[in-house]
N, C-alpha and C. Protein backbone atom coordinates (compact mmCIF):
# COMPACT_ATOMS: atom_id res chain seq x y z
N GLU A 1 22.63 8.58 7.08
CA GLU A 1 23.17 8.72 8.44
C GLU A 1 24.28 9.61 8.35
N ILE A 2 24.36 10.68 9.63
CA ILE A 2 24.79 11.51 10.12
C ILE A 2 25.66 11.19 11.58
N ARG A 3 27.30 11.22 11.65
CA ARG A 3 27.85 10.53 12.29
C ARG A 3 28.72 11.80 13.04
N ARG A 4 28.91 11.91 13.98
CA ARG A 4 29.66 12.97 14.48
C ARG A 4 31.11 12.62 14.95
N THR A 5 32.72 13.73 15.51
CA THR A 5 33.70 12.83 15.85
C THR A 5 33.45 12.14 17.14
N PRO A 6 34.17 11.05 18.26
CA PRO A 6 34.15 10.58 18.45
C PRO A 6 35.02 11.78 19.63
N ALA A 7 34.82 11.14 20.93
CA ALA A 7 35.77 11.80 21.74
C ALA A 7 37.22 11.71 21.79
N GLU A 8 38.22 12.72 22.42
CA GLU A 8 39.02 12.23 22.44
C GLU A 8 39.68 10.87 22.76
N GLY A 9 40.48 9.95 22.06
CA GLY A 9 41.01 8.25 22.90
C GLY A 9 40.42 7.55 22.31
N ALA A 10 39.48 7.73 20.90
CA ALA A 10 39.09 7.02 20.20
C ALA A 10 39.85 5.98 19.97
N LYS A 11 39.31 4.59 19.92
CA LYS A 11 39.95 3.71 19.27
C LYS A 11 40.65 3.77 17.64
N TYR A 12 41.34 3.59 17.06
CA TYR A 12 41.84 3.96 15.86
C TYR A 12 40.19 2.65 14.85
N ASP A 13 40.06 1.61 15.10
CA ASP A 13 38.92 0.84 14.75
C ASP A 13 37.52 1.41 15.04
N ASP A 14 37.57 2.29 15.99
CA ASP A 14 36.30 3.10 15.61
C ASP A 14 36.28 3.87 14.84
N LEU A 15 37.00 4.72 14.72
CA LEU A 15 37.58 5.83 13.34
C LEU A 15 37.28 5.02 12.49
N TRP A 16 38.18 4.44 12.26
CA TRP A 16 37.75 3.46 10.89
C TRP A 16 36.62 3.12 10.33
N GLU A 17 35.90 2.72 11.52
CA GLU A 17 34.06 2.51 11.16
C GLU A 17 33.53 3.70 10.64
N LEU A 18 33.89 4.50 11.57
CA LEU A 18 32.82 5.43 11.50
C LEU A 18 33.34 6.26 9.93
N ILE A 19 34.30 6.39 9.67
CA ILE A 19 34.78 7.38 8.35
C ILE A 19 34.53 6.35 6.88
N GLY A 20 34.75 4.87 7.80
CA GLY A 20 34.57 4.21 6.27
C GLY A 20 33.00 3.91 5.65
N ASN A 21 32.35 4.32 6.81
CA ASN A 21 30.51 4.39 6.37
C ASN A 21 29.78 5.40 5.89
N VAL A 22 30.81 6.04 5.64
CA VAL A 22 30.08 7.48 5.24
C VAL A 22 30.32 7.91 4.08
N ASP A 23 29.23 8.93 2.81
CA ASP A 23 30.02 9.06 1.77
C ASP A 23 30.13 10.27 1.90
N ARG A 24 30.17 11.05 2.96
CA ARG A 24 30.73 12.60 2.51
C ARG A 24 31.26 12.88 3.85
N VAL A 25 32.58 13.40 4.54
CA VAL A 25 33.00 14.00 5.42
C VAL A 25 33.20 15.42 5.35
N TYR A 26 33.01 16.31 6.12
CA TYR A 26 32.69 17.27 6.70
C TYR A 26 33.70 17.45 7.10
N PHE A 27 34.99 18.42 7.10
CA PHE A 27 35.74 18.40 8.36
C PHE A 27 36.11 20.09 8.05
N LEU A 28 35.33 20.49 9.65
CA LEU A 28 35.37 21.37 10.04
C LEU A 28 36.64 22.06 11.24
N LEU A 29 37.68 23.32 10.49
CA LEU A 29 38.61 23.93 11.00
C LEU A 29 38.51 25.43 11.49
N GLY A 30 38.21 25.30 13.07
CA GLY A 30 38.03 26.81 13.51
C GLY A 30 39.49 27.32 13.64
N ARG A 31 39.77 27.87 15.01
CA ARG A 31 40.98 28.45 15.68
C ARG A 31 42.24 26.86 15.77
N ASP A 32 41.38 25.97 16.06
CA ASP A 32 42.53 25.06 16.71
C ASP A 32 41.99 23.29 16.33
N ILE A 33 42.88 22.65 16.04
CA ILE A 33 42.88 21.07 16.42
C ILE A 33 43.29 20.59 16.92
N THR A 34 42.33 19.65 17.46
CA THR A 34 42.70 18.63 18.46
C THR A 34 42.69 17.13 17.81
N ALA A 35 43.19 16.04 19.14
CA ALA A 35 43.03 14.82 18.58
C ALA A 35 41.40 14.53 18.94
N PRO A 36 40.72 13.58 17.92
CA PRO A 36 41.17 12.61 16.83
C PRO A 36 40.87 13.05 15.49
N ALA A 37 41.05 14.77 15.29
CA ALA A 37 40.81 15.03 13.61
C ALA A 37 41.76 15.01 13.29
N GLY A 38 43.19 15.16 13.37
CA GLY A 38 44.20 14.40 12.96
C GLY A 38 43.78 13.08 12.10
N ALA A 39 43.92 12.56 13.12
CA ALA A 39 43.41 10.89 12.54
C ALA A 39 42.44 10.46 11.66
N GLU A 40 41.55 11.55 11.73
CA GLU A 40 40.07 11.26 11.06
C GLU A 40 40.55 11.85 9.12
N TRP A 41 41.01 12.56 9.49
CA TRP A 41 41.55 13.32 7.93
C TRP A 41 42.30 12.79 7.18
N GLN A 42 43.67 12.21 7.96
CA GLN A 42 43.87 10.97 7.50
C GLN A 42 43.50 9.62 6.70
N LEU A 43 42.25 9.05 7.71
CA LEU A 43 41.64 8.36 7.37
C LEU A 43 40.66 7.74 6.38
N ALA A 44 40.35 9.82 6.42
CA ALA A 44 39.34 10.41 4.69
C ALA A 44 40.02 10.47 3.85
N LEU A 45 41.44 10.72 3.65
CA LEU A 45 42.47 10.32 2.34
C LEU A 45 42.62 9.22 2.06
N GLN A 46 42.77 8.28 3.37
CA GLN A 46 43.08 7.12 2.93
C GLN A 46 41.91 6.05 2.18
N LEU A 47 41.21 6.25 3.13
CA LEU A 47 39.64 5.31 2.51
C LEU A 47 39.23 6.37 1.31
N GLU A 48 39.43 6.82 0.68
CA GLU A 48 39.25 7.86 -0.27
C GLU A 48 37.75 8.13 -0.39
N ARG A 49 37.24 8.87 1.22
CA ARG A 49 36.11 9.35 1.11
C ARG A 49 35.83 11.15 0.75
N SER A 50 34.89 11.07 -0.18
CA SER A 50 34.45 12.65 -0.37
C SER A 50 34.48 13.47 0.68
N LEU A 51 35.55 14.55 0.89
CA LEU A 51 35.89 15.46 1.80
C LEU A 51 35.62 16.67 1.30
N LEU A 52 34.90 17.59 1.96
CA LEU A 52 34.78 19.06 2.11
C LEU A 52 34.94 19.88 3.79
N PRO A 53 36.66 20.02 2.97
CA PRO A 53 37.40 20.46 4.11
C PRO A 53 37.19 22.41 3.95
N LEU A 54 35.92 22.66 5.53
CA LEU A 54 35.32 23.76 5.74
C LEU A 54 36.17 24.60 6.80
N ARG A 55 36.88 26.17 6.95
CA ARG A 55 37.33 26.48 7.41
C ARG A 55 36.36 27.65 7.68
N ALA A 56 37.06 28.31 9.01
CA ALA A 56 36.40 29.52 9.35
C ALA A 56 37.19 30.56 9.25
N ALA A 57 36.88 31.91 8.68
CA ALA A 57 37.41 32.83 8.01
C ALA A 57 37.95 33.70 9.03
N HIS A 58 39.14 34.76 8.91
CA HIS A 58 39.40 35.52 9.25
C HIS A 58 39.61 35.40 11.33
N VAL A 59 39.97 33.65 11.67
CA VAL A 59 40.34 33.64 12.86
C VAL A 59 41.61 33.31 12.88
N ARG A 60 42.10 33.44 14.05
CA ARG A 60 43.81 33.40 14.55
C ARG A 60 43.93 31.97 14.83
N LEU A 61 44.51 31.19 14.55
CA LEU A 61 44.93 30.06 14.31
C LEU A 61 46.09 29.50 15.66
N THR A 62 45.68 28.22 16.18
CA THR A 62 46.54 27.89 17.21
C THR A 62 48.12 27.80 16.70
N PRO A 63 49.05 27.29 17.17
CA PRO A 63 50.04 26.64 16.73
C PRO A 63 49.71 25.63 16.00
N ALA A 64 48.75 24.47 16.95
CA ALA A 64 48.72 23.18 16.06
C ALA A 64 47.54 23.29 14.86
N GLY A 65 46.68 24.57 14.59
CA GLY A 65 45.71 24.35 13.74
C GLY A 65 46.35 25.13 12.32
N GLN A 66 47.77 26.10 12.74
CA GLN A 66 48.91 26.53 11.39
C GLN A 66 49.62 25.06 10.83
N GLU A 67 49.85 24.11 12.03
CA GLU A 67 50.87 22.91 11.70
C GLU A 67 50.10 22.35 10.69
N PHE A 68 48.93 22.08 11.34
CA PHE A 68 47.94 21.65 10.29
C PHE A 68 47.91 22.10 8.71
N LEU A 69 47.55 23.22 8.51
CA LEU A 69 47.16 23.48 7.22
C LEU A 69 48.37 23.64 6.55
N HIS A 70 49.91 24.11 7.95
CA HIS A 70 51.22 23.76 6.99
C HIS A 70 51.32 22.84 6.22
N LYS A 71 50.82 21.27 6.98
CA LYS A 71 51.13 20.27 6.82
C LYS A 71 50.65 19.72 5.33
N ASN A 72 49.17 20.70 5.29
CA ASN A 72 48.08 19.87 3.76
C ASN A 72 48.17 21.58 2.62
N PRO A 73 49.32 21.62 2.61
CA PRO A 73 49.46 22.78 1.80
C PRO A 73 48.62 22.99 0.35
N PHE A 74 48.07 21.66 -0.22
CA PHE A 74 47.17 21.57 -1.26
C PHE A 74 45.89 21.66 -1.06
N ILE A 75 45.48 21.53 -0.11
CA ILE A 75 43.72 21.31 0.17
C ILE A 75 43.29 22.66 0.23
N ARG A 76 42.42 22.71 -0.99
CA ARG A 76 41.19 23.89 -1.13
C ARG A 76 39.96 24.05 -0.10
N TRP A 77 40.26 24.98 1.22
CA TRP A 77 39.38 24.88 1.95
C TRP A 77 38.29 26.20 1.18
N GLN A 78 37.39 25.68 1.87
CA GLN A 78 36.12 26.60 1.59
C GLN A 78 36.02 26.98 2.90
N GLU A 79 35.84 29.03 2.96
CA GLU A 79 35.82 29.59 4.07
C GLU A 79 34.38 30.09 4.15
N PHE A 80 33.85 29.89 5.97
CA PHE A 80 32.90 30.65 6.45
C PHE A 80 33.06 31.60 7.12
N ASP A 81 31.99 33.03 7.15
CA ASP A 81 31.96 33.63 8.37
C ASP A 81 31.08 33.73 9.11
N SER A 82 30.00 32.75 9.55
CA SER A 82 29.26 32.67 10.65
C SER A 82 28.56 31.12 10.50
N ALA A 83 28.37 31.00 11.70
CA ALA A 83 27.72 29.67 11.63
C ALA A 83 25.86 29.82 10.22
N ALA A 84 25.67 30.20 10.31
CA ALA A 84 24.24 30.41 9.27
C ALA A 84 24.85 30.41 7.86
N GLU A 85 26.46 31.05 7.31
CA GLU A 85 27.43 30.29 6.61
C GLU A 85 27.22 29.13 5.77
N LEU A 86 27.72 28.76 6.91
CA LEU A 86 28.49 27.69 6.98
C LEU A 86 27.19 26.68 7.37
N ALA A 87 26.48 26.72 7.68
CA ALA A 87 24.46 25.38 7.46
C ALA A 87 24.81 25.58 6.25
N GLN A 88 24.35 26.65 5.43
CA GLN A 88 23.85 26.98 4.08
C GLN A 88 25.14 26.45 3.01
N ILE A 89 26.26 26.36 3.53
CA ILE A 89 27.40 25.56 2.55
C ILE A 89 26.95 24.38 2.91
N VAL A 90 26.97 23.49 3.84
CA VAL A 90 26.64 22.21 4.14
C VAL A 90 25.13 21.79 3.82
N THR A 91 23.75 22.72 3.71
CA THR A 91 22.95 22.49 2.81
C THR A 91 23.17 22.22 1.74
N LEU A 92 23.49 23.05 1.36
CA LEU A 92 23.82 23.35 -0.55
C LEU A 92 24.72 22.11 -0.86
N ASP A 93 25.24 21.32 -0.45
CA ASP A 93 26.51 20.38 -0.73
C ASP A 93 25.97 18.59 -0.51
N LEU A 94 24.90 19.19 0.98
CA LEU A 94 23.80 18.25 1.02
C LEU A 94 22.98 17.78 -0.27
N LEU A 95 22.23 18.90 -0.15
CA LEU A 95 21.26 19.03 -1.64
C LEU A 95 21.69 18.34 -2.44
N GLU A 96 22.98 18.67 -3.50
CA GLU A 96 23.46 18.35 -4.18
C GLU A 96 24.30 17.10 -4.13
N MET A 97 24.40 16.20 -3.41
CA MET A 97 24.58 15.06 -3.38
C MET A 97 23.57 13.99 -3.40
N LEU A 98 22.34 14.40 -2.57
CA LEU A 98 21.15 13.66 -2.30
C LEU A 98 20.18 13.52 -3.89
N ASN A 99 20.55 15.11 -4.36
CA ASN A 99 19.97 14.82 -6.20
C ASN A 99 21.21 13.72 -6.79
N HIS A 100 21.92 13.62 -6.86
CA HIS A 100 22.71 13.01 -7.36
C HIS A 100 22.19 11.98 -8.89
N ARG A 101 23.08 12.26 -9.50
CA ARG A 101 22.21 12.12 -11.10
C ARG A 101 21.81 10.65 -11.69
N THR A 102 22.56 9.77 -10.78
CA THR A 102 21.97 8.08 -10.55
C THR A 102 21.08 7.88 -9.60
N ASN A 103 20.33 8.91 -9.16
CA ASN A 103 19.59 8.79 -7.83
C ASN A 103 19.87 7.00 -6.47
N ARG A 104 21.42 7.67 -6.31
CA ARG A 104 21.65 6.51 -5.81
C ARG A 104 21.62 6.49 -4.64
N TYR A 105 20.36 7.15 -4.28
CA TYR A 105 19.65 7.49 -2.73
C TYR A 105 18.19 6.35 -2.62
N GLY A 106 18.19 6.68 -4.06
CA GLY A 106 16.23 6.01 -4.44
C GLY A 106 15.02 7.16 -4.10
N LEU A 107 15.15 8.63 -4.03
CA LEU A 107 14.58 9.60 -4.21
C LEU A 107 13.32 9.23 -5.09
N SER A 108 12.28 9.23 -4.75
CA SER A 108 11.22 9.76 -5.26
C SER A 108 11.02 11.12 -6.51
N ILE A 109 10.55 11.19 -7.28
CA ILE A 109 10.35 12.02 -8.08
C ILE A 109 10.09 13.52 -7.36
N THR A 110 9.18 12.96 -7.01
CA THR A 110 8.64 14.31 -5.92
C THR A 110 9.69 14.98 -4.43
N GLU A 111 10.37 13.87 -4.28
CA GLU A 111 11.46 14.03 -3.85
C GLU A 111 12.42 14.85 -3.92
N LEU A 112 12.80 14.60 -5.00
CA LEU A 112 13.69 15.21 -5.76
C LEU A 112 13.25 16.40 -6.20
N GLU A 113 12.47 16.72 -6.64
CA GLU A 113 11.38 18.13 -7.11
C GLU A 113 12.27 18.87 -5.97
N THR A 114 11.67 18.72 -5.07
CA THR A 114 11.35 18.96 -3.73
C THR A 114 13.37 19.78 -3.17
N LEU A 115 13.49 18.74 -3.40
CA LEU A 115 15.24 18.97 -3.09
C LEU A 115 15.52 20.09 -3.75
N ARG A 116 15.40 20.39 -5.22
CA ARG A 116 15.39 21.05 -6.29
C ARG A 116 15.13 22.62 -5.87
N LEU A 117 14.03 22.70 -5.61
CA LEU A 117 12.88 23.42 -5.31
C LEU A 117 13.79 24.55 -4.12
N HIS A 118 14.13 23.33 -3.17
CA HIS A 118 14.93 24.36 -1.74
C HIS A 118 16.51 24.32 -2.41
N SER A 119 16.86 23.35 -2.99
CA SER A 119 18.71 24.31 -3.32
C SER A 119 18.12 25.77 -4.38
N GLU A 120 17.22 25.69 -4.78
CA GLU A 120 17.28 27.07 -5.88
C GLU A 120 16.73 27.94 -4.70
N ARG A 121 15.79 27.51 -3.93
CA ARG A 121 15.69 28.99 -2.89
C ARG A 121 16.89 29.50 -2.23
N LEU A 122 17.52 28.54 -1.74
CA LEU A 122 18.73 29.01 -0.96
C LEU A 122 19.73 29.49 -1.66
N GLN A 123 20.29 29.41 -2.75
CA GLN A 123 21.58 29.66 -4.07
C GLN A 123 20.65 31.05 -3.84
N LYS A 124 19.30 31.45 -4.10
CA LYS A 124 19.03 33.00 -4.61
C LYS A 124 19.84 33.63 -2.59
N ARG A 125 19.26 33.06 -1.83
CA ARG A 125 19.21 33.56 -0.98
C ARG A 125 20.44 33.83 -0.60
N ALA A 126 21.50 33.07 -1.00
CA ALA A 126 22.88 33.32 -0.66
C ALA A 126 23.79 34.58 -2.06
N ALA A 127 23.19 34.49 -3.05
CA ALA A 127 23.35 35.45 -3.90
C ALA A 127 22.87 36.84 -3.41
N ALA A 128 21.90 36.98 -3.13
CA ALA A 128 21.29 38.01 -2.66
C ALA A 128 21.99 38.53 -1.02
N ARG A 129 22.51 37.82 -0.47
CA ARG A 129 23.05 38.15 0.56
C ARG A 129 24.60 38.70 -0.11
N ALA A 130 25.45 37.62 -0.67
CA ALA A 130 26.47 38.33 -1.58
C ALA A 130 26.23 39.59 -2.10
N ALA A 131 25.55 39.75 -2.99
CA ALA A 131 25.31 41.13 -3.42
C ALA A 131 24.79 42.41 -2.05
N SER A 132 24.23 42.15 -1.41
CA SER A 132 24.09 43.10 -0.17
C SER A 132 25.32 43.53 0.29
N MET A 133 26.34 42.37 0.38
CA MET A 133 27.53 42.93 1.13
C MET A 133 28.77 43.56 0.16
N VAL A 134 28.56 43.88 -1.06
CA VAL A 134 29.28 44.33 -2.23
C VAL A 134 29.03 45.96 -1.34
N HIS A 135 30.06 46.42 -1.31
CA HIS A 135 29.34 48.43 -0.97
C HIS A 135 30.54 49.31 -1.60
N GLU A 136 30.21 50.17 -2.01
CA GLU A 136 30.89 51.78 -2.78
C GLU A 136 32.15 51.83 -1.74
N PRO A 137 33.24 52.00 -1.86
CA PRO A 137 33.45 52.31 -1.05
C PRO A 137 33.54 54.34 -0.43
N GLY A 138 33.56 54.15 0.72
CA GLY A 138 33.28 55.84 1.17
C GLY A 138 34.16 56.33 2.58
N GLY A 139 33.77 57.42 3.00
CA GLY A 139 34.95 57.66 4.00
C GLY A 139 36.29 57.43 3.15
N ALA A 140 37.06 56.86 4.19
CA ALA A 140 38.93 56.88 4.35
C ALA A 140 38.67 56.10 3.22
N GLU A 141 37.89 54.93 2.87
CA GLU A 141 38.16 54.02 1.55
C GLU A 141 38.29 55.00 0.67
N GLY A 142 37.52 55.98 0.44
CA GLY A 142 37.19 56.44 -0.88
C GLY A 142 38.63 57.36 -0.76
N GLY A 143 39.19 57.77 0.19
CA GLY A 143 40.93 58.61 -0.18
C GLY A 143 40.47 59.34 1.24
N GLY A 144 41.48 59.83 1.51
CA GLY A 144 41.41 60.25 2.85
C GLY A 144 42.89 61.00 3.29
N VAL A 145 42.87 62.43 4.41
CA VAL A 145 43.59 62.96 4.58
C VAL A 145 43.79 63.02 5.75
N ILE A 146 45.61 62.48 6.16
CA ILE A 146 45.59 62.51 7.87
C ILE A 146 46.50 63.81 8.17
N ILE A 147 46.33 64.12 8.99
CA ILE A 147 46.28 65.58 9.84
C ILE A 147 47.31 65.17 10.95
N ASP A 148 48.47 65.57 11.44
CA ASP A 148 49.29 65.17 12.08
C ASP A 148 48.72 66.25 13.30
N PRO A 149 47.86 65.47 14.88
CA PRO A 149 47.24 65.71 16.00
C PRO A 149 48.44 66.77 16.79
N LEU A 150 49.79 66.82 16.55
CA LEU A 150 50.95 67.60 16.88
C LEU A 150 50.84 69.16 16.47
N ARG A 151 50.14 69.34 14.93
CA ARG A 151 50.27 70.74 14.40
C ARG A 151 48.52 70.78 14.48
N SER A 152 48.99 72.73 14.78
CA SER A 152 48.41 73.48 15.30
C SER A 152 46.83 73.81 13.96
N GLU A 153 47.59 73.13 12.98
CA GLU A 153 46.85 73.92 11.74
C GLU A 153 45.60 73.07 11.61
N THR A 154 44.39 73.97 11.70
CA THR A 154 43.03 72.93 10.80
C THR A 154 43.23 72.74 9.52
N ALA A 155 42.07 71.94 9.47
CA ALA A 155 42.19 71.46 7.76
C ALA A 155 42.00 72.44 6.88
N GLU A 156 41.13 73.90 7.29
CA GLU A 156 40.89 74.80 6.66
C GLU A 156 42.45 76.03 6.07
N ASP A 157 43.08 75.81 7.39
CA ASP A 157 44.42 75.95 7.44
C ASP A 157 45.30 75.97 6.12
N LEU A 158 45.15 74.17 6.00
CA LEU A 158 46.07 73.16 5.31
C LEU A 158 45.55 73.61 3.68
N LEU A 159 44.31 73.55 4.07
CA LEU A 159 43.77 73.38 1.89
C LEU A 159 44.26 75.50 2.03
N LEU A 160 43.65 76.23 2.51
CA LEU A 160 43.60 77.68 2.04
C LEU A 160 45.72 78.14 1.92
N SER A 161 46.29 76.83 2.97
CA SER A 161 48.43 77.64 2.39
C SER A 161 48.49 76.82 0.73
N ARG A 162 47.86 75.75 0.65
CA ARG A 162 48.13 75.09 -0.85
C ARG A 162 47.66 76.14 -1.93
N GLY A 163 46.62 76.94 -1.54
CA GLY A 163 46.11 77.33 -2.65
C GLY A 163 47.15 78.79 -3.46
C-alpha cells in the first residue's frame, strides 16, 4: 500500500496510523519543508520505520529547509538531480524490498524473476547514464587565459611579447 503525506493540520493519531503501518518511508526534501513533514520525520524515527531520505540536489534551501538539515546532521541523504532520477532511485529501492530474501511479500518464483530482470535493466540504464555524464575537460576547464578587456593588446601580441 502506498500512502501520501496528509494535508497540513493532520492529527497526530492520523500521522501515527499512516507511518506505523508502512514498510518504508520515502522522505523527500526539495527547497523547503512544511508541516506535517517534521512530525512525520520524527514519528518515522520513533517508530523505527525503514527510512530513505531523498534530497533534491543543487537547490537553494529556504531557512526552514536549512534548519531541518542542521537539526539532522548525521542523516545520509541520497541526492537526485531530476524527477527521472528520483523515480529510478525509488523504483530500484522498491524492487530490492520486494525481492526480500525471506520473500516476506509472498511473491511467486515468476514474479520474483520478473522483478530481478527489471532491476537488472534499470541498473544497466543507470550505469550507462552515469557513464555518459562523465566527460573530459575542454575549453576553460582544461586551462585558459583571462585577458583584461581594458588592455588593447590582442592575444597574439601577448604571446609574441613573451617570446
